[in-house]
């Protein structure tokens, strides 16, 4: 709204009622602007709270992810250790089987020699 009192001559008097009307219009505009700002402030506060909530969720997710990564790394390390141990045990088992086979063959050989000696003595 344009101020009707601008660009008027200084010797002209302005009715006081016009001044009061203009002040009241400006006060109404100010009140509307203030109300709009207050409503916007509530919306802004709500969005800031929402943003803080999202930040907290992100932080918790990052902590959980780091913990899962540590757990996975520990699991991988344990799997590697167990794999090496299994490989060692399998090799030892194979060696023991070979040893057992040799001992069994030797036992059969000794038993055969005993029988030959016993049969040889009777003939």
Foldseek 3Di string as FASTA:
>chain_A
DDDPPPPDDPVDDDDPVSVVVVVVVVVVVVVVVVVVVVVVVVVVVVVVVVVVVVVVVVVVVVVVVVVVVVVVVVVVVVVVVVVVVVVVVVVVVVVVVVVVVVVVVVVVVVVVVVVCVVVVVVD
